[in-house]
PDB file of N, CA and C in Angstrom:
ATOM      1  N   ASN A   1      33.155  31.105   3.080  1.00  0.00           N
ATOM      2  CA  ASN A   1      34.339  31.578   2.341  1.00  0.00           C
ATOM      3  C   ASN A   1      34.644  30.663   1.143  1.00  0.00           C
ATOM      4  N   ASN A   2      33.885  30.753   0.166  1.00  0.00           N
ATOM      5  CA  ASN A   2      34.093  29.906  -0.998  1.00  0.00           C
ATOM      6  C   ASN A   2      35.273  30.420  -1.830  1.00  0.00           C
ATOM      7  N   ILE A   3      36.316  29.705  -2.059  1.00  0.00           N
ATOM      8  CA  ILE A   3      37.520  30.094  -2.763  1.00  0.00           C
ATOM      9  C   ILE A   3      37.151  30.285  -4.207  1.00  0.00           C
ATOM     10  N   PHE A   4      36.041  29.809  -4.710  1.00  0.00           N
ATOM     11  CA  PHE A   4      35.686  29.984  -6.110  1.00  0.00           C
ATOM     12  C   PHE A   4      34.808  31.147  -6.455  1.00  0.00           C
ATOM     13  N   SER A   5      34.455  31.874  -5.360  1.00  0.00           N
ATOM     14  CA  SER A   5      33.530  33.023  -5.524  1.00  0.00           C
ATOM     15  C   SER A   5      33.981  34.028  -6.559  1.00  0.00           C
ATOM     16  N   HIS A   6      35.282  34.171  -6.838  1.00  0.00           N
ATOM     17  CA  HIS A   6      35.759  35.081  -7.736  1.00  0.00           C
ATOM     18  C   HIS A   6      35.708  34.578  -9.173  1.00  0.00           C
ATOM     19  N   THR A   7      35.199  33.374  -9.424  1.00  0.00           N
ATOM     20  CA  THR A   7      35.108  32.858 -10.807  1.00  0.00           C
ATOM     21  C   THR A   7      33.846  33.030 -11.513  1.00  0.00           C
ATOM     22  N   ASP A   8      32.955  33.950 -10.992  1.00  0.00           N
ATOM     23  CA  ASP A   8      31.645  34.178 -11.672  1.00  0.00           C
ATOM     24  C   ASP A   8      31.901  34.742 -13.030  1.00  0.00           C
ATOM     25  N   ASP A   9      31.049  34.600 -13.911  1.00  0.00           N
ATOM     26  CA  ASP A   9      31.226  35.041 -15.323  1.00  0.00           C
ATOM     27  C   ASP A   9      31.433  36.559 -15.407  1.00  0.00           C
ATOM     28  N   SER A  10      30.882  37.363 -14.602  1.00  0.00           N
ATOM     29  CA  SER A  10      31.139  38.741 -14.665  1.00  0.00           C
ATOM     30  C   SER A  10      32.567  39.163 -14.317  1.00  0.00           C
ATOM     31  N   ALA A  11      33.224  38.428 -13.511  1.00  0.00           N
ATOM     32  CA  ALA A  11      34.649  38.738 -13.118  1.00  0.00           C
ATOM     33  C   ALA A  11      35.660  38.341 -14.223  1.00  0.00           C
ATOM     34  N   ILE A  12      35.275  37.363 -15.022  1.00  0.00           N
ATOM     35  CA  ILE A  12      36.203  36.847 -16.100  1.00  0.00           C
ATOM     36  C   ILE A  12      35.682  37.057 -17.508  1.00  0.00           C
ATOM     37  N   GLU A  13      34.691  37.875 -17.672  1.00  0.00           N
ATOM     38  CA  GLU A  13      33.993  38.045 -18.949  1.00  0.00           C
ATOM     39  C   GLU A  13      34.954  38.445 -20.028  1.00  0.00           C
ATOM     40  N   TYR A  14      35.835  39.434 -19.750  1.00  0.00           N
ATOM     41  CA  TYR A  14      36.633  40.097 -20.787  1.00  0.00           C
ATOM     42  C   TYR A  14      38.068  39.584 -20.781  1.00  0.00           C
ATOM     43  N   VAL A  15      38.395  38.548 -20.124  1.00  0.00           N
ATOM     44  CA  VAL A  15      39.737  38.009 -20.114  1.00  0.00           C
ATOM     45  C   VAL A  15      39.981  37.308 -21.477  1.00  0.00           C
ATOM     46  N   ARG A  16      41.095  37.621 -22.179  1.00  0.00           N
ATOM     47  CA  ARG A  16      41.417  37.069 -23.458  1.00  0.00           C
ATOM     48  C   ARG A  16      41.804  35.677 -23.409  1.00  0.00           C
ATOM     49  N   VAL A  17      41.048  34.790 -24.034  1.00  0.00           N
ATOM     50  CA  VAL A  17      41.363  33.368 -24.155  1.00  0.00           C
ATOM     51  C   VAL A  17      41.261  32.997 -25.674  1.00  0.00           C
ATOM     52  N   SER A  18      42.344  32.372 -26.132  1.00  0.00           N
ATOM     53  CA  SER A  18      42.304  32.034 -27.561  1.00  0.00           C
ATOM     54  C   SER A  18      41.486  30.753 -27.798  1.00  0.00           C
ATOM     55  N   PRO A  19      40.980  30.557 -28.977  1.00  0.00           N
ATOM     56  CA  PRO A  19      40.328  29.379 -29.294  1.00  0.00           C
ATOM     57  C   PRO A  19      41.134  28.137 -29.087  1.00  0.00           C
ATOM     58  N   ASP A  20      42.394  28.142 -29.430  1.00  0.00           N
ATOM     59  CA  ASP A  20      43.327  27.005 -29.217  1.00  0.00           C
ATOM     60  C   ASP A  20      43.404  26.676 -27.780  1.00  0.00           C
ATOM     61  N   GLU A  21      43.461  27.680 -26.863  1.00  0.00           N
ATOM     62  CA  GLU A  21      43.442  27.367 -25.493  1.00  0.00           C
ATOM     63  C   GLU A  21      42.167  26.592 -25.042  1.00  0.00           C
ATOM     64  N   ILE A  22      41.049  27.062 -25.509  1.00  0.00           N
ATOM     65  CA  ILE A  22      39.776  26.500 -25.155  1.00  0.00           C
ATOM     66  C   ILE A  22      39.765  25.092 -25.696  1.00  0.00           C
ATOM     67  N   VAL A  23      40.244  24.832 -26.940  1.00  0.00           N
ATOM     68  CA  VAL A  23      40.177  23.413 -27.498  1.00  0.00           C
ATOM     69  C   VAL A  23      41.119  22.497 -26.666  1.00  0.00           C
ATOM     70  N   GLU A  24      42.276  22.992 -26.333  1.00  0.00           N
ATOM     71  CA  GLU A  24      43.240  22.221 -25.576  1.00  0.00           C
ATOM     72  C   GLU A  24      42.705  21.861 -24.181  1.00  0.00           C
ATOM     73  N   PHE A  25      42.177  22.843 -23.540  1.00  0.00           N
ATOM     74  CA  PHE A  25      41.650  22.680 -22.207  1.00  0.00           C
ATOM     75  C   PHE A  25      40.416  21.826 -22.164  1.00  0.00           C
ATOM     76  N   ALA A  26      39.495  21.971 -23.151  1.00  0.00           N
ATOM     77  CA  ALA A  26      38.393  21.131 -23.300  1.00  0.00           C
ATOM     78  C   ALA A  26      38.749  19.686 -23.448  1.00  0.00           C
ATOM     79  N   ALA A  27      39.732  19.419 -24.320  1.00  0.00           N
ATOM     80  CA  ALA A  27      40.224  18.041 -24.493  1.00  0.00           C
ATOM     81  C   ALA A  27      40.798  17.490 -23.256  1.00  0.00           C
ATOM     82  N   TYR A  28      41.405  18.262 -22.423  1.00  0.00           N
ATOM     83  CA  TYR A  28      41.870  17.755 -21.091  1.00  0.00           C
ATOM     84  C   TYR A  28      40.718  17.196 -20.225  1.00  0.00           C
ATOM     85  N   TYR A  29      39.621  17.848 -20.390  1.00  0.00           N
ATOM     86  CA  TYR A  29      38.399  17.465 -19.634  1.00  0.00           C
ATOM     87  C   TYR A  29      37.484  16.504 -20.474  1.00  0.00           C
ATOM     88  N   GLY A  30      37.932  16.060 -21.606  1.00  0.00           N
ATOM     89  CA  GLY A  30      37.153  15.022 -22.368  1.00  0.00           C
ATOM     90  C   GLY A  30      36.047  15.625 -23.174  1.00  0.00           C
ATOM     91  N   ALA A  31      36.086  16.901 -23.511  1.00  0.00           N
ATOM     92  CA  ALA A  31      35.122  17.634 -24.241  1.00  0.00           C
ATOM     93  C   ALA A  31      35.667  18.025 -25.584  1.00  0.00           C
ATOM     94  N   ASP A  32      34.761  18.093 -26.598  1.00  0.00           N
ATOM     95  CA  ASP A  32      35.094  18.679 -27.903  1.00  0.00           C
ATOM     96  C   ASP A  32      34.232  19.874 -28.106  1.00  0.00           C
ATOM     97  N   PRO A  33      34.821  21.095 -28.066  1.00  0.00           N
ATOM     98  CA  PRO A  33      33.956  22.304 -28.087  1.00  0.00           C
ATOM     99  C   PRO A  33      33.062  22.351 -29.320  1.00  0.00           C
ATOM    100  N   ARG A  34      33.355  21.698 -30.470  1.00  0.00           N
ATOM    101  CA  ARG A  34      32.470  21.662 -31.591  1.00  0.00           C
ATOM    102  C   ARG A  34      31.212  20.831 -31.288  1.00  0.00           C
ATOM    103  N   VAL A  35      31.371  19.839 -30.425  1.00  0.00           N
ATOM    104  CA  VAL A  35      30.253  18.978 -30.098  1.00  0.00           C
ATOM    105  C   VAL A  35      29.596  19.309 -28.835  1.00  0.00           C
ATOM    106  N   HIS A  36      30.362  19.705 -27.870  1.00  0.00           N
ATOM    107  CA  HIS A  36      29.850  19.987 -26.486  1.00  0.00           C
ATOM    108  C   HIS A  36      29.933  21.492 -26.224  1.00  0.00           C
ATOM    109  N   TRP A  37      29.400  22.310 -27.200  1.00  0.00           N
ATOM    110  CA  TRP A  37      29.516  23.757 -27.090  1.00  0.00           C
ATOM    111  C   TRP A  37      28.857  24.326 -25.816  1.00  0.00           C
ATOM    112  N   TRP A  38      27.895  23.603 -25.327  1.00  0.00           N
ATOM    113  CA  TRP A  38      27.172  24.071 -24.122  1.00  0.00           C
ATOM    114  C   TRP A  38      28.035  24.006 -22.861  1.00  0.00           C
ATOM    115  N   ALA A  39      29.110  23.198 -22.934  1.00  0.00           N
ATOM    116  CA  ALA A  39      29.938  23.108 -21.700  1.00  0.00           C
ATOM    117  C   ALA A  39      31.093  24.175 -21.675  1.00  0.00           C
ATOM    118  N   LEU A  40      31.162  24.982 -22.777  1.00  0.00           N
ATOM    119  CA  LEU A  40      32.182  25.946 -22.852  1.00  0.00           C
ATOM    120  C   LEU A  40      32.266  26.897 -21.682  1.00  0.00           C
ATOM    121  N   ARG A  41      31.080  27.293 -21.216  1.00  0.00           N
ATOM    122  CA  ARG A  41      31.011  28.274 -20.103  1.00  0.00           C
ATOM    123  C   ARG A  41      31.731  27.800 -18.889  1.00  0.00           C
ATOM    124  N   VAL A  42      31.507  26.552 -18.492  1.00  0.00           N
ATOM    125  CA  VAL A  42      32.183  26.056 -17.260  1.00  0.00           C
ATOM    126  C   VAL A  42      33.634  25.707 -17.614  1.00  0.00           C
ATOM    127  N   ILE A  43      33.919  25.293 -18.814  1.00  0.00           N
ATOM    128  CA  ILE A  43      35.313  24.940 -19.206  1.00  0.00           C
ATOM    129  C   ILE A  43      36.163  26.317 -19.184  1.00  0.00           C
ATOM    130  N   ARG A  44      35.545  27.319 -19.614  1.00  0.00           N
ATOM    131  CA  ARG A  44      36.226  28.580 -19.573  1.00  0.00           C
ATOM    132  C   ARG A  44      36.465  29.123 -18.113  1.00  0.00           C
ATOM    133  N   GLN A  45      35.483  28.891 -17.242  1.00  0.00           N
ATOM    134  CA  GLN A  45      35.671  29.223 -15.921  1.00  0.00           C
ATOM    135  C   GLN A  45      36.807  28.496 -15.302  1.00  0.00           C
ATOM    136  N   ALA A  46      36.918  27.086 -15.628  1.00  0.00           N
ATOM    137  CA  ALA A  46      37.970  26.258 -15.073  1.00  0.00           C
ATOM    138  C   ALA A  46      39.297  26.861 -15.557  1.00  0.00           C
ATOM    139  N   LEU A  47      39.441  27.136 -16.840  1.00  0.00           N
ATOM    140  CA  LEU A  47      40.626  27.596 -17.426  1.00  0.00           C
ATOM    141  C   LEU A  47      41.181  28.895 -16.826  1.00  0.00           C
ATOM    142  N   LEU A  48      40.193  29.847 -16.445  1.00  0.00           N
ATOM    143  CA  LEU A  48      40.570  31.102 -15.943  1.00  0.00           C
ATOM    144  C   LEU A  48      40.715  31.143 -14.366  1.00  0.00           C
ATOM    145  N   THR A  49      40.384  30.080 -13.696  1.00  0.00           N
ATOM    146  CA  THR A  49      40.506  30.075 -12.288  1.00  0.00           C
ATOM    147  C   THR A  49      41.922  30.041 -11.832  1.00  0.00           C
ATOM    148  N   PRO A  50      42.268  31.119 -11.071  1.00  0.00           N
ATOM    149  CA  PRO A  50      43.663  31.137 -10.519  1.00  0.00           C
ATOM    150  C   PRO A  50      43.918  30.040  -9.462  1.00  0.00           C
ATOM    151  N   LEU A  51      45.168  29.944  -9.137  1.00  0.00           N
ATOM    152  CA  LEU A  51      45.521  28.973  -8.044  1.00  0.00           C
ATOM    153  C   LEU A  51      44.961  29.487  -6.687  1.00  0.00           C
ATOM    154  N   PRO A  52      44.426  28.529  -5.894  1.00  0.00           N
ATOM    155  CA  PRO A  52      43.961  28.884  -4.542  1.00  0.00           C
ATOM    156  C   PRO A  52      45.212  29.494  -3.714  1.00  0.00           C
ATOM    157  N   GLY A  53      44.882  30.213  -2.666  1.00  0.00           N
ATOM    158  CA  GLY A  53      45.926  30.725  -1.846  1.00  0.00           C
ATOM    159  C   GLY A  53      46.930  29.624  -1.311  1.00  0.00           C
ATOM    160  N   GLY A  54      48.127  29.945  -1.315  1.00  0.00           N
ATOM    161  CA  GLY A  54      49.167  29.031  -0.783  1.00  0.00           C
ATOM    162  C   GLY A  54      49.752  28.070  -1.912  1.00  0.00           C
ATOM    163  N   TRP A  55      49.032  27.921  -3.054  1.00  0.00           N
ATOM    164  CA  TRP A  55      49.561  26.977  -4.082  1.00  0.00           C
ATOM    165  C   TRP A  55      50.387  27.878  -5.057  1.00  0.00           C
ATOM    166  N   ARG A  56      51.398  27.222  -5.615  1.00  0.00           N
ATOM    167  CA  ARG A  56      52.187  27.867  -6.693  1.00  0.00           C
ATOM    168  C   ARG A  56      52.598  26.843  -7.741  1.00  0.00           C
ATOM    169  N   GLU A  57      52.800  27.283  -8.914  1.00  0.00           N
ATOM    170  CA  GLU A  57      53.236  26.388  -9.984  1.00  0.00           C
ATOM    171  C   GLU A  57      54.691  26.303  -9.962  1.00  0.00           C
ATOM    172  N   VAL A  58      55.232  25.055 -10.131  1.00  0.00           N
ATOM    173  CA  VAL A  58      56.650  24.766 -10.015  1.00  0.00           C
ATOM    174  C   VAL A  58      57.035  23.912 -11.193  1.00  0.00           C
ATOM    175  N   VAL A  59      58.218  24.069 -11.675  1.00  0.00           N
ATOM    176  CA  VAL A  59      58.825  23.184 -12.713  1.00  0.00           C
ATOM    177  C   VAL A  59      59.874  22.268 -12.106  1.00  0.00           C
ATOM    178  N   ASP A  60      59.719  20.989 -12.350  1.00  0.00           N
ATOM    179  CA  ASP A  60      60.797  20.055 -11.761  1.00  0.00           C
ATOM    180  C   ASP A  60      61.998  20.044 -12.674  1.00  0.00           C
ATOM    181  N   ARG A  61      63.013  19.292 -12.253  1.00  0.00           N
ATOM    182  CA  ARG A  61      64.314  19.338 -13.005  1.00  0.00           C
ATOM    183  C   ARG A  61      64.226  18.666 -14.501  1.00  0.00           C
ATOM    184  N   HIS A  62      63.060  18.077 -14.751  1.00  0.00           N
ATOM    185  CA  HIS A  62      62.813  17.486 -16.045  1.00  0.00           C
ATOM    186  C   HIS A  62      61.955  18.401 -16.888  1.00  0.00           C
ATOM    187  N   GLY A  63      61.613  19.553 -16.389  1.00  0.00           N
ATOM    188  CA  GLY A  63      60.764  20.537 -17.113  1.00  0.00           C
ATOM    189  C   GLY A  63      59.295  20.333 -17.054  1.00  0.00           C
ATOM    190  N   GLN A  64      58.861  19.432 -16.113  1.00  0.00           N
ATOM    191  CA  GLN A  64      57.511  19.108 -15.992  1.00  0.00           C
ATOM    192  C   GLN A  64      56.875  20.012 -14.880  1.00  0.00           C
ATOM    193  N   GLU A  65      55.683  20.567 -15.273  1.00  0.00           N
ATOM    194  CA  GLU A  65      55.049  21.420 -14.274  1.00  0.00           C
ATOM    195  C   GLU A  65      54.255  20.630 -13.207  1.00  0.00           C
ATOM    196  N   TYR A  66      54.290  21.122 -11.985  1.00  0.00           N
ATOM    197  CA  TYR A  66      53.408  20.655 -10.921  1.00  0.00           C
ATOM    198  C   TYR A  66      53.039  21.696  -9.919  1.00  0.00           C
ATOM    199  N   TYR A  67      52.132  21.483  -9.040  1.00  0.00           N
ATOM    200  CA  TYR A  67      51.649  22.542  -8.118  1.00  0.00           C
ATOM    201  C   TYR A  67      52.138  22.052  -6.694  1.00  0.00           C
ATOM    202  N   TYR A  68      52.579  23.155  -5.928  1.00  0.00           N
ATOM    203  CA  TYR A  68      53.124  22.914  -4.577  1.00  0.00           C
ATOM    204  C   TYR A  68      52.470  23.838  -3.592  1.00  0.00           C
ATOM    205  N   HIS A  69      52.108  23.264  -2.428  1.00  0.00           N
ATOM    206  CA  HIS A  69      51.642  24.119  -1.360  1.00  0.00           C
ATOM    207  C   HIS A  69      52.577  23.928  -0.073  1.00  0.00           C
ATOM    208  N   GLU A  70      53.391  25.001   0.084  1.00  0.00           N
ATOM    209  CA  GLU A  70      54.453  24.786   1.041  1.00  0.00           C
ATOM    210  C   GLU A  70      53.951  24.663   2.448  1.00  0.00           C
ATOM    211  N   GLN A  71      52.957  25.403   2.901  1.00  0.00           N
ATOM    212  CA  GLN A  71      52.420  25.174   4.206  1.00  0.00           C
ATOM    213  C   GLN A  71      51.908  23.792   4.518  1.00  0.00           C
ATOM    214  N   LEU A  72      51.206  23.207   3.524  1.00  0.00           N
ATOM    215  CA  LEU A  72      50.743  21.840   3.622  1.00  0.00           C
ATOM    216  C   LEU A  72      51.683  20.742   3.251  1.00  0.00           C
ATOM    217  N   ASP A  73      52.796  21.223   2.626  1.00  0.00           N
ATOM    218  CA  ASP A  73      53.803  20.306   2.108  1.00  0.00           C
ATOM    219  C   ASP A  73      53.197  19.277   1.165  1.00  0.00           C
ATOM    220  N   GLN A  74      52.361  19.744   0.278  1.00  0.00           N
ATOM    221  CA  GLN A  74      51.692  18.864  -0.711  1.00  0.00           C
ATOM    222  C   GLN A  74      52.048  19.268  -2.076  1.00  0.00           C
ATOM    223  N   SER A  75      52.155  18.323  -2.980  1.00  0.00           N
ATOM    224  CA  SER A  75      52.325  18.631  -4.393  1.00  0.00           C
ATOM    225  C   SER A  75      51.374  17.734  -5.259  1.00  0.00           C
ATOM    226  N   THR A  76      51.024  18.226  -6.397  1.00  0.00           N
ATOM    227  CA  THR A  76      50.106  17.498  -7.311  1.00  0.00           C
ATOM    228  C   THR A  76      50.455  17.898  -8.741  1.00  0.00           C
ATOM    229  N   ARG A  77      50.276  16.954  -9.630  1.00  0.00           N
ATOM    230  CA  ARG A  77      50.469  17.222 -11.073  1.00  0.00           C
ATOM    231  C   ARG A  77      49.141  17.885 -11.660  1.00  0.00           C
ATOM    232  N   THR A  78      48.083  17.717 -11.008  1.00  0.00           N
ATOM    233  CA  THR A  78      46.853  18.343 -11.540  1.00  0.00           C
ATOM    234  C   THR A  78      46.559  19.656 -10.765  1.00  0.00           C
ATOM    235  N   HIS A  79      45.912  20.552 -11.474  1.00  0.00           N
ATOM    236  CA  HIS A  79      45.535  21.871 -10.899  1.00  0.00           C
ATOM    237  C   HIS A  79      44.803  21.672  -9.619  1.00  0.00           C
ATOM    238  N   PRO A  80      45.082  22.407  -8.526  1.00  0.00           N
ATOM    239  CA  PRO A  80      44.356  22.125  -7.267  1.00  0.00           C
ATOM    240  C   PRO A  80      42.900  22.272  -7.351  1.00  0.00           C
ATOM    241  N   VAL A  81      42.334  22.968  -8.250  1.00  0.00           N
ATOM    242  CA  VAL A  81      40.817  23.113  -8.329  1.00  0.00           C
ATOM    243  C   VAL A  81      40.235  22.060  -9.472  1.00  0.00           C
ATOM    244  N   ASP A  82      41.045  21.250  -9.947  1.00  0.00           N
ATOM    245  CA  ASP A  82      40.584  20.235 -10.910  1.00  0.00           C
ATOM    246  C   ASP A  82      39.487  19.360 -10.304  1.00  0.00           C
ATOM    247  N   SER A  83      39.614  18.999  -9.057  1.00  0.00           N
ATOM    248  CA  SER A  83      38.539  18.159  -8.414  1.00  0.00           C
ATOM    249  C   SER A  83      37.297  18.904  -8.291  1.00  0.00           C
ATOM    250  N   TYR A  84      37.334  20.263  -8.310  1.00  0.00           N
ATOM    251  CA  TYR A  84      36.084  21.072  -8.246  1.00  0.00           C
ATOM    252  C   TYR A  84      35.371  21.130  -9.612  1.00  0.00           C
ATOM    253  N   TYR A  85      36.189  21.333 -10.619  1.00  0.00           N
ATOM    254  CA  TYR A  85      35.628  21.535 -11.959  1.00  0.00           C
ATOM    255  C   TYR A  85      35.360  20.258 -12.732  1.00  0.00           C
ATOM    256  N   ARG A  86      36.171  19.232 -12.613  1.00  0.00           N
ATOM    257  CA  ARG A  86      35.947  18.008 -13.404  1.00  0.00           C
ATOM    258  C   ARG A  86      34.546  17.481 -13.371  1.00  0.00           C
ATOM    259  N   PRO A  87      33.929  17.220 -12.161  1.00  0.00           N
ATOM    260  CA  PRO A  87      32.641  16.778 -12.093  1.00  0.00           C
ATOM    261  C   PRO A  87      31.548  17.787 -12.688  1.00  0.00           C
ATOM    262  N   ARG A  88      31.786  19.030 -12.583  1.00  0.00           N
ATOM    263  CA  ARG A  88      30.861  20.014 -13.148  1.00  0.00           C
ATOM    264  C   ARG A  88      30.886  20.004 -14.646  1.00  0.00           C
ATOM    265  N   ILE A  89      32.067  19.822 -15.139  1.00  0.00           N
ATOM    266  CA  ILE A  89      32.186  19.738 -16.699  1.00  0.00           C
ATOM    267  C   ILE A  89      31.621  18.498 -17.179  1.00  0.00           C
ATOM    268  N   THR A  90      31.860  17.311 -16.476  1.00  0.00           N
ATOM    269  CA  THR A  90      31.323  16.088 -16.841  1.00  0.00           C
ATOM    270  C   THR A  90      29.755  16.155 -16.808  1.00  0.00           C
ATOM    271  N   ASN A  91      29.200  16.773 -15.763  1.00  0.00           N
ATOM    272  CA  ASN A  91      27.781  16.956 -15.628  1.00  0.00           C
ATOM    273  C   ASN A  91      27.198  17.796 -16.759  1.00  0.00           C
ATOM    274  N   ALA A  92      27.905  18.868 -17.094  1.00  0.00           N
ATOM    275  CA  ALA A  92      27.458  19.784 -18.162  1.00  0.00           C
ATOM    276  C   ALA A  92      27.421  19.012 -19.436  1.00  0.00           C
ATOM    277  N   ILE A  93      28.421  18.171 -19.775  1.00  0.00           N
ATOM    278  CA  ILE A  93      28.438  17.409 -21.007  1.00  0.00           C
ATOM    279  C   ILE A  93      27.304  16.448 -21.042  1.00  0.00           C
ATOM    280  N   ASN A  94      27.104  15.793 -19.954  1.00  0.00           N
ATOM    281  CA  ASN A  94      25.987  14.751 -19.870  1.00  0.00           C
ATOM    282  C   ASN A  94      24.647  15.312 -19.902  1.00  0.00           C
ATOM    283  N   GLN A  95      24.479  16.480 -19.327  1.00  0.00           N
ATOM    284  CA  GLN A  95      23.145  17.045 -19.191  1.00  0.00           C
ATOM    285  C   GLN A  95      22.629  17.775 -20.561  1.00  0.00           C
ATOM    286  N   GLY A  96      23.643  18.140 -21.351  1.00  0.00           N
ATOM    287  CA  GLY A  96      23.261  18.771 -22.611  1.00  0.00           C
ATOM    288  C   GLY A  96      22.982  20.199 -22.387  1.00  0.00           C
ATOM    289  N   PRO A  97      22.603  20.944 -23.506  1.00  0.00           N
ATOM    290  CA  PRO A  97      22.322  22.406 -23.372  1.00  0.00           C
ATOM    291  C   PRO A  97      21.354  22.783 -22.335  1.00  0.00           C
ATOM    292  N   GLN A  98      21.653  23.864 -21.569  1.00  0.00           N
ATOM    293  CA  GLN A  98      20.719  24.419 -20.620  1.00  0.00           C
ATOM    294  C   GLN A  98      20.452  25.878 -21.008  1.00  0.00           C
ATOM    295  N   PRO A  99      19.352  26.486 -20.565  1.00  0.00           N
ATOM    296  CA  PRO A  99      18.981  27.810 -20.938  1.00  0.00           C
ATOM    297  C   PRO A  99      20.185  28.817 -20.749  1.00  0.00           C
ATOM    298  N   GLU A 100      20.916  28.698 -19.676  1.00  0.00           N
ATOM    299  CA  GLU A 100      21.954  29.608 -19.404  1.00  0.00           C
ATOM    300  C   GLU A 100      23.129  29.512 -20.362  1.00  0.00           C
ATOM    301  N   ASP A 101      23.163  28.420 -21.126  1.00  0.00           N
ATOM    302  CA  ASP A 101      24.287  28.145 -22.033  1.00  0.00           C
ATOM    303  C   ASP A 101      24.096  28.815 -23.355  1.00  0.00           C
ATOM    304  N   SER A 102      23.077  29.597 -23.519  1.00  0.00           N
ATOM    305  CA  SER A 102      22.882  30.324 -24.807  1.00  0.00           C
ATOM    306  C   SER A 102      23.482  31.688 -24.817  1.00  0.00           C
ATOM    307  N   ALA A 103      24.073  32.147 -23.711  1.00  0.00           N
ATOM    308  CA  ALA A 103      24.652  33.448 -23.724  1.00  0.00           C
ATOM    309  C   ALA A 103      25.957  33.519 -24.611  1.00  0.00           C
ATOM    310  N   TRP A 104      26.130  34.664 -25.178  1.00  0.00           N
ATOM    311  CA  TRP A 104      27.318  34.834 -26.078  1.00  0.00           C
ATOM    312  C   TRP A 104      28.614  34.883 -25.191  1.00  0.00           C
ATOM    313  N   MET A 105      29.655  34.251 -25.784  1.00  0.00           N
ATOM    314  CA  MET A 105      30.981  34.281 -25.204  1.00  0.00           C
ATOM    315  C   MET A 105      31.953  34.881 -26.163  1.00  0.00           C
ATOM    316  N   VAL A 106      32.904  35.622 -25.621  1.00  0.00           N
ATOM    317  CA  VAL A 106      33.924  36.328 -26.468  1.00  0.00           C
ATOM    318  C   VAL A 106      35.214  35.571 -26.303  1.00  0.00           C
ATOM    319  N   PHE A 107      35.865  35.264 -27.493  1.00  0.00           N
ATOM    320  CA  PHE A 107      37.105  34.727 -27.585  1.00  0.00           C
ATOM    321  C   PHE A 107      38.045  35.635 -28.472  1.00  0.00           C
ATOM    322  N   VAL A 108      39.329  35.465 -28.446  1.00  0.00           N
ATOM    323  CA  VAL A 108      40.227  36.211 -29.299  1.00  0.00           C
ATOM    324  C   VAL A 108      40.962  35.265 -30.177  1.00  0.00           C
ATOM    325  N   SER A 109      40.876  35.588 -31.476  1.00  0.00           N
ATOM    326  CA  SER A 109      41.644  34.720 -32.455  1.00  0.00           C
ATOM    327  C   SER A 109      43.156  34.926 -32.331  1.00  0.00           C
ATOM    328  N   ARG A 110      43.944  34.129 -33.015  1.00  0.00           N
ATOM    329  CA  ARG A 110      45.421  34.312 -32.998  1.00  0.00           C
ATOM    330  C   ARG A 110      45.816  35.643 -33.521  1.00  0.00           C
ATOM    331  N   GLY A 111      45.048  36.195 -34.461  1.00  0.00           N
ATOM    332  CA  GLY A 111      45.351  37.495 -35.047  1.00  0.00           C
ATOM    333  C   GLY A 111      44.857  38.698 -34.099  1.00  0.00           C
ATOM    334  N   GLY A 112      44.271  38.351 -32.994  1.00  0.00           N
ATOM    335  CA  GLY A 112      43.743  39.380 -32.052  1.00  0.00           C
ATOM    336  C   GLY A 112      42.345  39.878 -32.406  1.00  0.00           C
ATOM    337  N   ALA A 113      41.655  39.247 -33.231  1.00  0.00           N
ATOM    338  CA  ALA A 113      40.279  39.665 -33.566  1.00  0.00           C
ATOM    339  C   ALA A 113      39.318  38.987 -32.489  1.00  0.00           C
ATOM    340  N   PHE A 114      38.285  39.720 -32.234  1.00  0.00           N
ATOM    341  CA  PHE A 114      37.305  39.210 -31.235  1.00  0.00           C
ATOM    342  C   PHE A 114      36.429  38.207 -32.127  1.00  0.00           C
ATOM    343  N   VAL A 115      36.158  37.006 -31.466  1.00  0.00           N
ATOM    344  CA  VAL A 115      35.279  35.984 -31.992  1.00  0.00           C
ATOM    345  C   VAL A 115      34.211  35.783 -30.982  1.00  0.00           C
ATOM    346  N   TYR A 116      32.898  35.781 -31.405  1.00  0.00           N
ATOM    347  CA  TYR A 116      31.788  35.578 -30.586  1.00  0.00           C
ATOM    348  C   TYR A 116      31.154  34.266 -30.773  1.00  0.00           C
ATOM    349  N   HIS A 117      30.852  33.579 -29.734  1.00  0.00           N
ATOM    350  CA  HIS A 117      30.210  32.227 -29.860  1.00  0.00           C
ATOM    351  C   HIS A 117      28.912  32.234 -29.034  1.00  0.00           C
ATOM    352  N   ASN A 118      27.839  31.717 -29.654  1.00  0.00           N
ATOM    353  CA  ASN A 118      26.613  31.547 -28.960  1.00  0.00           C
ATOM    354  C   ASN A 118      26.162  30.080 -29.019  1.00  0.00           C
TER     355      ASN A 118
END
């Protein structure tokens, strides 16, 4: 029962993600999409992964977001699947382009136009 089984590319292929979102999220993981373009596939998967069951996003009294799991009585400032994706993104950056990284990806510009990246 892999909680990440829903994150395969076919399930998230047509979700609208802006270039700005990708750049911001890539920076969070230490990647520059202009330099580490081959890591965009796994960065996009991380960006689109929903919270695992039982987790919810909460805002504290200072307006800062965090994640809380009521049943476990646990809270964290990092997305609960960050520990799953961070090593995969780091490995992708370090390994360089792989054959599966040459597939086209679709993004949406601020104006709503589709932008394709290969």
